[in-house]
Every structure is written in C-alpha cells, then in structure tokens.
Amino acid sequence: MSGIKVWIDQDLCTGDGICEEIAPAIFFGADDGLYYVREAGTEAPTEPTHSFHEPVDVPDDLVEATIDAAEECPGECIFLDVE
C-alpha cells in the first residue's frame, strides 16, 4: 500500500463525476448526486453506509489516477492524507 488515504468532502462536491471517470476503482456516484470513495476492488454500495465518509487506502497502482482526480475536481473536494 502507498500509505495514502483519500476522502471526499461532500459539502464541496459538485457532482460532476470527473473523479469516477479518472479513477473508477476508487470513486463512485450515489443516488444523492454526490461522489464518494470506496476501497479499490470493492462493489459500490447501493445504500449509504457509515463508511461513505471515511478515508480509504489508495493502492500503489492507483495513486497517480487518484491525484489526477483530486487535481481535476472542480469542487476541490477530494483530499489526500499521507501516513
């Protein structure tokens, strides 16, 4: 693992979905029109869960795409935490 976690501040999310286009293994859109993160390789939850708002680990092979998604996000709502 890269030691990087990613999360989205839904209060800033504009719902454009650019993050999901760039890194669909990490980001997904929900029925509320906002985007969330999930552990890479897992199914996107169909119902909101407590983990919707929690940071997730970014695998080494997705670090570049995750950073690109954060940089391209018009709402500037994607945050990276380095451990």
PDB file of N, CA and C in Angstrom:
ATOM      1  N   MET A   1       0.838  -1.193   0.000  1.00  0.00           N
ATOM      2  CA  MET A   1       0.000   0.000   0.000  1.00  0.00           C
ATOM      3  C   MET A   1       0.878   1.249   0.000  1.00  0.00           C
ATOM      4  N   SER A   2       0.324   2.286  -0.534  1.00  0.00           N
ATOM      5  CA  SER A   2       1.069   3.521  -0.735  1.00  0.00           C
ATOM      6  C   SER A   2       1.200   4.371   0.526  1.00  0.00           C
ATOM      7  N   GLY A   3       0.386   4.116   1.530  1.00  0.00           N
ATOM      8  CA  GLY A   3       0.394   4.974   2.703  1.00  0.00           C
ATOM      9  C   GLY A   3      -0.417   6.242   2.492  1.00  0.00           C
ATOM     10  N   ILE A   4      -1.195   6.267   1.416  1.00  0.00           N
ATOM     11  CA  ILE A   4      -2.045   7.417   1.107  1.00  0.00           C
ATOM     12  C   ILE A   4      -3.503   7.012   1.278  1.00  0.00           C
ATOM     13  N   LYS A   5      -4.261   7.884   1.923  1.00  0.00           N
ATOM     14  CA  LYS A   5      -5.713   7.693   2.037  1.00  0.00           C
ATOM     15  C   LYS A   5      -6.392   8.840   1.307  1.00  0.00           C
ATOM     16  N   VAL A   6      -7.589   8.583   0.804  1.00  0.00           N
ATOM     17  CA  VAL A   6      -8.347   9.608   0.094  1.00  0.00           C
ATOM     18  C   VAL A   6      -9.756   9.677   0.650  1.00  0.00           C
ATOM     19  N   TRP A   7     -10.311  10.884   0.652  1.00  0.00           N
ATOM     20  CA  TRP A   7     -11.688  11.080   1.094  1.00  0.00           C
ATOM     21  C   TRP A   7     -12.263  12.283   0.358  1.00  0.00           C
ATOM     22  N   ILE A   8     -13.585  12.377   0.372  1.00  0.00           N
ATOM     23  CA  ILE A   8     -14.299  13.474  -0.283  1.00  0.00           C
ATOM     24  C   ILE A   8     -15.112  14.230   0.755  1.00  0.00           C
ATOM     25  N   ASP A   9     -15.042  15.543   0.675  1.00  0.00           N
ATOM     26  CA  ASP A   9     -15.907  16.402   1.497  1.00  0.00           C
ATOM     27  C   ASP A   9     -17.171  16.644   0.676  1.00  0.00           C
ATOM     28  N   GLN A  10     -18.247  15.941   1.016  1.00  0.00           N
ATOM     29  CA  GLN A  10     -19.479  16.032   0.232  1.00  0.00           C
ATOM     30  C   GLN A  10     -20.094  17.430   0.264  1.00  0.00           C
ATOM     31  N   ASP A  11     -19.774  18.252   1.246  1.00  0.00           N
ATOM     32  CA  ASP A  11     -20.279  19.624   1.275  1.00  0.00           C
ATOM     33  C   ASP A  11     -19.707  20.449   0.120  1.00  0.00           C
ATOM     34  N   LEU A  12     -18.565  20.032  -0.406  1.00  0.00           N
ATOM     35  CA  LEU A  12     -17.928  20.736  -1.519  1.00  0.00           C
ATOM     36  C   LEU A  12     -18.163  20.057  -2.865  1.00  0.00           C
ATOM     37  N   CYS A  13     -18.657  18.838  -2.861  1.00  0.00           N
ATOM     38  CA  CYS A  13     -18.831  18.054  -4.087  1.00  0.00           C
ATOM     39  C   CYS A  13     -19.866  18.707  -5.001  1.00  0.00           C
ATOM     40  N   THR A  14     -19.483  18.884  -6.266  1.00  0.00           N
ATOM     41  CA  THR A  14     -20.378  19.496  -7.246  1.00  0.00           C
ATOM     42  C   THR A  14     -21.099  18.448  -8.099  1.00  0.00           C
ATOM     43  N   GLY A  15     -20.759  17.177  -7.915  1.00  0.00           N
ATOM     44  CA  GLY A  15     -21.453  16.102  -8.623  1.00  0.00           C
ATOM     45  C   GLY A  15     -21.080  15.965 -10.084  1.00  0.00           C
ATOM     46  N   ASP A  16     -19.939  16.499 -10.485  1.00  0.00           N
ATOM     47  CA  ASP A  16     -19.533  16.418 -11.892  1.00  0.00           C
ATOM     48  C   ASP A  16     -19.133  15.006 -12.314  1.00  0.00           C
ATOM     49  N   GLY A  17     -18.584  14.228 -11.405  1.00  0.00           N
ATOM     50  CA  GLY A  17     -18.226  12.845 -11.714  1.00  0.00           C
ATOM     51  C   GLY A  17     -16.896  12.670 -12.421  1.00  0.00           C
ATOM     52  N   ILE A  18     -16.104  13.725 -12.494  1.00  0.00           N
ATOM     53  CA  ILE A  18     -14.797  13.610 -13.137  1.00  0.00           C
ATOM     54  C   ILE A  18     -13.927  12.603 -12.392  1.00  0.00           C
ATOM     55  N   CYS A  19     -14.062  12.567 -11.069  1.00  0.00           N
ATOM     56  CA  CYS A  19     -13.265  11.632 -10.268  1.00  0.00           C
ATOM     57  C   CYS A  19     -13.539  10.189 -10.686  1.00  0.00           C
ATOM     58  N   GLU A  20     -14.805   9.859 -10.894  1.00  0.00           N
ATOM     59  CA  GLU A  20     -15.158   8.491 -11.273  1.00  0.00           C
ATOM     60  C   GLU A  20     -14.655   8.167 -12.674  1.00  0.00           C
ATOM     61  N   GLU A  21     -14.645   9.147 -13.573  1.00  0.00           N
ATOM     62  CA  GLU A  21     -14.109   8.926 -14.916  1.00  0.00           C
ATOM     63  C   GLU A  21     -12.617   8.623 -14.870  1.00  0.00           C
ATOM     64  N   ILE A  22     -11.895   9.310 -13.984  1.00  0.00           N
ATOM     65  CA  ILE A  22     -10.443   9.157 -13.903  1.00  0.00           C
ATOM     66  C   ILE A  22     -10.033   7.921 -13.108  1.00  0.00           C
ATOM     67  N   ALA A  23     -10.706   7.652 -12.002  1.00  0.00           N
ATOM     68  CA  ALA A  23     -10.338   6.531 -11.121  1.00  0.00           C
ATOM     69  C   ALA A  23     -11.585   5.796 -10.633  1.00  0.00           C
ATOM     70  N   PRO A  24     -12.252   5.056 -11.529  1.00  0.00           N
ATOM     71  CA  PRO A  24     -13.498   4.387 -11.155  1.00  0.00           C
ATOM     72  C   PRO A  24     -13.345   3.293 -10.099  1.00  0.00           C
ATOM     73  N   ALA A  25     -12.136   2.816  -9.878  1.00  0.00           N
ATOM     74  CA  ALA A  25     -11.938   1.801  -8.844  1.00  0.00           C
ATOM     75  C   ALA A  25     -12.030   2.398  -7.444  1.00  0.00           C
ATOM     76  N   ILE A  26     -11.875   3.723  -7.327  1.00  0.00           N
ATOM     77  CA  ILE A  26     -11.890   4.405  -6.028  1.00  0.00           C
ATOM     78  C   ILE A  26     -13.161   5.225  -5.826  1.00  0.00           C
ATOM     79  N   PHE A  27     -13.591   5.945  -6.863  1.00  0.00           N
ATOM     80  CA  PHE A  27     -14.703   6.895  -6.729  1.00  0.00           C
ATOM     81  C   PHE A  27     -15.976   6.349  -7.356  1.00  0.00           C
ATOM     82  N   PHE A  28     -17.110   6.688  -6.770  1.00  0.00           N
ATOM     83  CA  PHE A  28     -18.396   6.278  -7.338  1.00  0.00           C
ATOM     84  C   PHE A  28     -19.468   7.301  -7.007  1.00  0.00           C
ATOM     85  N   GLY A  29     -20.452   7.395  -7.894  1.00  0.00           N
ATOM     86  CA  GLY A  29     -21.581   8.285  -7.673  1.00  0.00           C
ATOM     87  C   GLY A  29     -22.703   7.561  -6.959  1.00  0.00           C
ATOM     88  N   ALA A  30     -23.395   8.289  -6.109  1.00  0.00           N
ATOM     89  CA  ALA A  30     -24.522   7.725  -5.359  1.00  0.00           C
ATOM     90  C   ALA A  30     -25.819   8.374  -5.832  1.00  0.00           C
ATOM     91  N   ASP A  31     -26.924   7.837  -5.356  1.00  0.00           N
ATOM     92  CA  ASP A  31     -28.245   8.327  -5.755  1.00  0.00           C
ATOM     93  C   ASP A  31     -28.487   9.782  -5.368  1.00  0.00           C
ATOM     94  N   ASP A  32     -27.718  10.287  -4.395  1.00  0.00           N
ATOM     95  CA  ASP A  32     -27.903  11.679  -3.979  1.00  0.00           C
ATOM     96  C   ASP A  32     -27.201  12.672  -4.917  1.00  0.00           C
ATOM     97  N   GLY A  33     -26.555  12.143  -5.986  1.00  0.00           N
ATOM     98  CA  GLY A  33     -25.893  13.006  -6.958  1.00  0.00           C
ATOM     99  C   GLY A  33     -24.484  13.405  -6.559  1.00  0.00           C
ATOM    100  N   LEU A  34     -24.018  12.899  -5.420  1.00  0.00           N
ATOM    101  CA  LEU A  34     -22.678  13.209  -4.952  1.00  0.00           C
ATOM    102  C   LEU A  34     -21.764  12.008  -5.154  1.00  0.00           C
ATOM    103  N   TYR A  35     -20.478  12.247  -5.008  1.00  0.00           N
ATOM    104  CA  TYR A  35     -19.489  11.192  -5.204  1.00  0.00           C
ATOM    105  C   TYR A  35     -18.808  10.851  -3.895  1.00  0.00           C
ATOM    106  N   TYR A  36     -18.401   9.579  -3.802  1.00  0.00           N
ATOM    107  CA  TYR A  36     -17.839   9.021  -2.580  1.00  0.00           C
ATOM    108  C   TYR A  36     -16.658   8.134  -2.943  1.00  0.00           C
ATOM    109  N   VAL A  37     -15.904   7.710  -1.908  1.00  0.00           N
ATOM    110  CA  VAL A  37     -14.789   6.798  -2.117  1.00  0.00           C
ATOM    111  C   VAL A  37     -15.141   5.412  -1.591  1.00  0.00           C
ATOM    112  N   ARG A  38     -14.442   4.426  -2.132  1.00  0.00           N
ATOM    113  CA  ARG A  38     -14.593   3.043  -1.671  1.00  0.00           C
ATOM    114  C   ARG A  38     -13.236   2.375  -1.774  1.00  0.00           C
ATOM    115  N   GLU A  39     -13.063   1.308  -1.031  1.00  0.00           N
ATOM    116  CA  GLU A  39     -11.824   0.544  -1.132  1.00  0.00           C
ATOM    117  C   GLU A  39     -11.737   0.000  -2.563  1.00  0.00           C
ATOM    118  N   ALA A  40     -10.564   0.125  -3.154  1.00  0.00           N
ATOM    119  CA  ALA A  40     -10.364  -0.338  -4.525  1.00  0.00           C
ATOM    120  C   ALA A  40     -10.743  -1.810  -4.653  1.00  0.00           C
ATOM    121  N   GLY A  41     -11.445  -2.130  -5.716  1.00  0.00           N
ATOM    122  CA  GLY A  41     -11.823  -3.509  -5.974  1.00  0.00           C
ATOM    123  C   GLY A  41     -13.081  -3.968  -5.284  1.00  0.00           C
ATOM    124  N   THR A  42     -13.740  -3.083  -4.535  1.00  0.00           N
ATOM    125  CA  THR A  42     -14.990  -3.463  -3.878  1.00  0.00           C
ATOM    126  C   THR A  42     -16.171  -2.916  -4.683  1.00  0.00           C
ATOM    127  N   GLU A  43     -17.311  -3.516  -4.475  1.00  0.00           N
ATOM    128  CA  GLU A  43     -18.521  -3.037  -5.134  1.00  0.00           C
ATOM    129  C   GLU A  43     -18.941  -1.702  -4.531  1.00  0.00           C
ATOM    130  N   ALA A  44     -19.463  -0.821  -5.363  1.00  0.00           N
ATOM    131  CA  ALA A  44     -20.004   0.438  -4.860  1.00  0.00           C
ATOM    132  C   ALA A  44     -21.264   0.132  -4.057  1.00  0.00           C
ATOM    133  N   PRO A  45     -21.376   0.628  -2.833  1.00  0.00           N
ATOM    134  CA  PRO A  45     -22.578   0.380  -2.038  1.00  0.00           C
ATOM    135  C   PRO A  45     -23.807   0.987  -2.716  1.00  0.00           C
ATOM    136  N   THR A  46     -24.923   0.282  -2.635  1.00  0.00           N
ATOM    137  CA  THR A  46     -26.153   0.823  -3.214  1.00  0.00           C
ATOM    138  C   THR A  46     -26.896   1.706  -2.224  1.00  0.00           C
ATOM    139  N   GLU A  47     -26.672   1.476  -0.945  1.00  0.00           N
ATOM    140  CA  GLU A  47     -27.295   2.278   0.102  1.00  0.00           C
ATOM    141  C   GLU A  47     -26.195   2.979   0.886  1.00  0.00           C
ATOM    142  N   PRO A  48     -26.443   4.196   1.328  1.00  0.00           N
ATOM    143  CA  PRO A  48     -25.425   4.879   2.146  1.00  0.00           C
ATOM    144  C   PRO A  48     -25.079   4.068   3.388  1.00  0.00           C
ATOM    145  N   THR A  49     -23.807   4.061   3.712  1.00  0.00           N
ATOM    146  CA  THR A  49     -23.341   3.377   4.916  1.00  0.00           C
ATOM    147  C   THR A  49     -22.493   4.354   5.714  1.00  0.00           C
ATOM    148  N   HIS A  50     -22.186   4.006   6.932  1.00  0.00           N
ATOM    149  CA  HIS A  50     -21.345   4.873   7.755  1.00  0.00           C
ATOM    150  C   HIS A  50     -19.974   5.068   7.114  1.00  0.00           C
ATOM    151  N   SER A  51     -19.542   4.100   6.309  1.00  0.00           N
ATOM    152  CA  SER A  51     -18.207   4.180   5.718  1.00  0.00           C
ATOM    153  C   SER A  51     -18.152   5.100   4.497  1.00  0.00           C
ATOM    154  N   PHE A  52     -19.284   5.621   4.054  1.00  0.00           N
ATOM    155  CA  PHE A  52     -19.296   6.525   2.904  1.00  0.00           C
ATOM    156  C   PHE A  52     -18.350   7.702   3.112  1.00  0.00           C
ATOM    157  N   HIS A  53     -18.230   8.180   4.339  1.00  0.00           N
ATOM    158  CA  HIS A  53     -17.483   9.398   4.609  1.00  0.00           C
ATOM    159  C   HIS A  53     -16.084   9.132   5.154  1.00  0.00           C
ATOM    160  N   GLU A  54     -15.694   7.870   5.253  1.00  0.00           N
ATOM    161  CA  GLU A  54     -14.405   7.532   5.835  1.00  0.00           C
ATOM    162  C   GLU A  54     -13.323   7.455   4.755  1.00  0.00           C
ATOM    163  N   PRO A  55     -12.096   7.865   5.088  1.00  0.00           N
ATOM    164  CA  PRO A  55     -10.997   7.750   4.122  1.00  0.00           C
ATOM    165  C   PRO A  55     -10.733   6.287   3.779  1.00  0.00           C
ATOM    166  N   VAL A  56     -10.279   6.048   2.557  1.00  0.00           N
ATOM    167  CA  VAL A  56      -9.911   4.696   2.134  1.00  0.00           C
ATOM    168  C   VAL A  56      -8.460   4.696   1.664  1.00  0.00           C
ATOM    169  N   ASP A  57      -7.819   3.527   1.772  1.00  0.00           N
ATOM    170  CA  ASP A  57      -6.448   3.356   1.310  1.00  0.00           C
ATOM    171  C   ASP A  57      -6.393   3.388  -0.210  1.00  0.00           C
ATOM    172  N   VAL A  58      -5.343   3.991  -0.736  1.00  0.00           N
ATOM    173  CA  VAL A  58      -5.128   4.048  -2.181  1.00  0.00           C
ATOM    174  C   VAL A  58      -4.008   3.064  -2.525  1.00  0.00           C
ATOM    175  N   PRO A  59      -4.293   2.031  -3.330  1.00  0.00           N
ATOM    176  CA  PRO A  59      -3.238   1.105  -3.735  1.00  0.00           C
ATOM    177  C   PRO A  59      -2.187   1.828  -4.584  1.00  0.00           C
ATOM    178  N   ASP A  60      -0.968   1.317  -4.557  1.00  0.00           N
ATOM    179  CA  ASP A  60       0.139   1.939  -5.290  1.00  0.00           C
ATOM    180  C   ASP A  60      -0.198   2.210  -6.755  1.00  0.00           C
ATOM    181  N   ASP A  61      -0.874   1.260  -7.389  1.00  0.00           N
ATOM    182  CA  ASP A  61      -1.141   1.409  -8.828  1.00  0.00           C
ATOM    183  C   ASP A  61      -2.242   2.434  -9.135  1.00  0.00           C
ATOM    184  N   LEU A  62      -2.910   2.956  -8.111  1.00  0.00           N
ATOM    185  CA  LEU A  62      -3.961   3.954  -8.330  1.00  0.00           C
ATOM    186  C   LEU A  62      -3.616   5.334  -7.771  1.00  0.00           C
ATOM    187  N   VAL A  63      -2.407   5.481  -7.240  1.00  0.00           N
ATOM    188  CA  VAL A  63      -2.017   6.769  -6.648  1.00  0.00           C
ATOM    189  C   VAL A  63      -2.059   7.879  -7.694  1.00  0.00           C
ATOM    190  N   GLU A  64      -1.454   7.649  -8.854  1.00  0.00           N
ATOM    191  CA  GLU A  64      -1.405   8.698  -9.878  1.00  0.00           C
ATOM    192  C   GLU A  64      -2.803   9.106 -10.334  1.00  0.00           C
ATOM    193  N   ALA A  65      -3.673   8.138 -10.587  1.00  0.00           N
ATOM    194  CA  ALA A  65      -5.037   8.443 -11.029  1.00  0.00           C
ATOM    195  C   ALA A  65      -5.815   9.171  -9.932  1.00  0.00           C
ATOM    196  N   THR A  66      -5.594   8.790  -8.686  1.00  0.00           N
ATOM    197  CA  THR A  66      -6.292   9.432  -7.569  1.00  0.00           C
ATOM    198  C   THR A  66      -5.846  10.884  -7.419  1.00  0.00           C
ATOM    199  N   ILE A  67      -4.555  11.130  -7.557  1.00  0.00           N
ATOM    200  CA  ILE A  67      -4.037  12.506  -7.512  1.00  0.00           C
ATOM    201  C   ILE A  67      -4.595  13.309  -8.683  1.00  0.00           C
ATOM    202  N   ASP A  68      -4.630  12.706  -9.874  1.00  0.00           N
ATOM    203  CA  ASP A  68      -5.195  13.385 -11.044  1.00  0.00           C
ATOM    204  C   ASP A  68      -6.654  13.758 -10.795  1.00  0.00           C
ATOM    205  N   ALA A  69      -7.412  12.837 -10.205  1.00  0.00           N
ATOM    206  CA  ALA A  69      -8.825  13.101  -9.915  1.00  0.00           C
ATOM    207  C   ALA A  69      -8.960  14.282  -8.962  1.00  0.00           C
ATOM    208  N   ALA A  70      -8.104  14.323  -7.942  1.00  0.00           N
ATOM    209  CA  ALA A  70      -8.158  15.431  -6.983  1.00  0.00           C
ATOM    210  C   ALA A  70      -7.828  16.756  -7.658  1.00  0.00           C
ATOM    211  N   GLU A  71      -6.838  16.734  -8.556  1.00  0.00           N
ATOM    212  CA  GLU A  71      -6.436  17.963  -9.232  1.00  0.00           C
ATOM    213  C   GLU A  71      -7.484  18.445 -10.235  1.00  0.00           C
ATOM    214  N   GLU A  72      -8.207  17.522 -10.863  1.00  0.00           N
ATOM    215  CA  GLU A  72      -9.197  17.879 -11.882  1.00  0.00           C
ATOM    216  C   GLU A  72     -10.566  18.219 -11.301  1.00  0.00           C
ATOM    217  N   CYS A  73     -10.799  17.890 -10.036  1.00  0.00           N
ATOM    218  CA  CYS A  73     -12.105  18.091  -9.415  1.00  0.00           C
ATOM    219  C   CYS A  73     -12.471  19.578  -9.368  1.00  0.00           C
ATOM    220  N   PRO A  74     -13.589  19.979 -10.014  1.00  0.00           N
ATOM    221  CA  PRO A  74     -13.971  21.393  -9.999  1.00  0.00           C
ATOM    222  C   PRO A  74     -14.406  21.883  -8.624  1.00  0.00           C
ATOM    223  N   GLY A  75     -14.856  20.977  -7.754  1.00  0.00           N
ATOM    224  CA  GLY A  75     -15.287  21.373  -6.421  1.00  0.00           C
ATOM    225  C   GLY A  75     -14.161  21.391  -5.406  1.00  0.00           C
ATOM    226  N   GLU A  76     -12.975  20.914  -5.830  1.00  0.00           N
ATOM    227  CA  GLU A  76     -11.819  20.812  -4.933  1.00  0.00           C
ATOM    228  C   GLU A  76     -12.188  20.118  -3.630  1.00  0.00           C
ATOM    229  N   CYS A  77     -12.931  19.010  -3.747  1.00  0.00           N
ATOM    230  CA  CYS A  77     -13.455  18.332  -2.566  1.00  0.00           C
ATOM    231  C   CYS A  77     -12.746  17.033  -2.242  1.00  0.00           C
ATOM    232  N   ILE A  78     -11.750  16.645  -3.043  1.00  0.00           N
ATOM    233  CA  ILE A  78     -11.028  15.394  -2.826  1.00  0.00           C
ATOM    234  C   ILE A  78      -9.755  15.698  -2.044  1.00  0.00           C
ATOM    235  N   PHE A  79      -9.586  14.998  -0.941  1.00  0.00           N
ATOM    236  CA  PHE A  79      -8.442  15.235  -0.064  1.00  0.00           C
ATOM    237  C   PHE A  79      -7.613  13.977   0.091  1.00  0.00           C
ATOM    238  N   LEU A  80      -6.293  14.147   0.064  1.00  0.00           N
ATOM    239  CA  LEU A  80      -5.354  13.056   0.233  1.00  0.00           C
ATOM    240  C   LEU A  80      -4.628  13.228   1.564  1.00  0.00           C
ATOM    241  N   ASP A  81      -4.552  12.150   2.323  1.00  0.00           N
ATOM    242  CA  ASP A  81      -3.814  12.142   3.576  1.00  0.00           C
ATOM    243  C   ASP A  81      -2.650  11.182   3.424  1.00  0.00           C
ATOM    244  N   VAL A  82      -1.455  11.651   3.701  1.00  0.00           N
ATOM    245  CA  VAL A  82      -0.268  10.804   3.629  1.00  0.00           C
ATOM    246  C   VAL A  82       0.073  10.342   5.037  1.00  0.00           C
ATOM    247  N   GLU A  83       0.214   9.034   5.192  1.00  0.00           N
ATOM    248  CA  GLU A  83       0.506   8.478   6.531  1.00  0.00           C
ATOM    249  C   GLU A  83       1.982   8.235   6.693  1.00  0.00           C
TER     250      GLU A  83
END
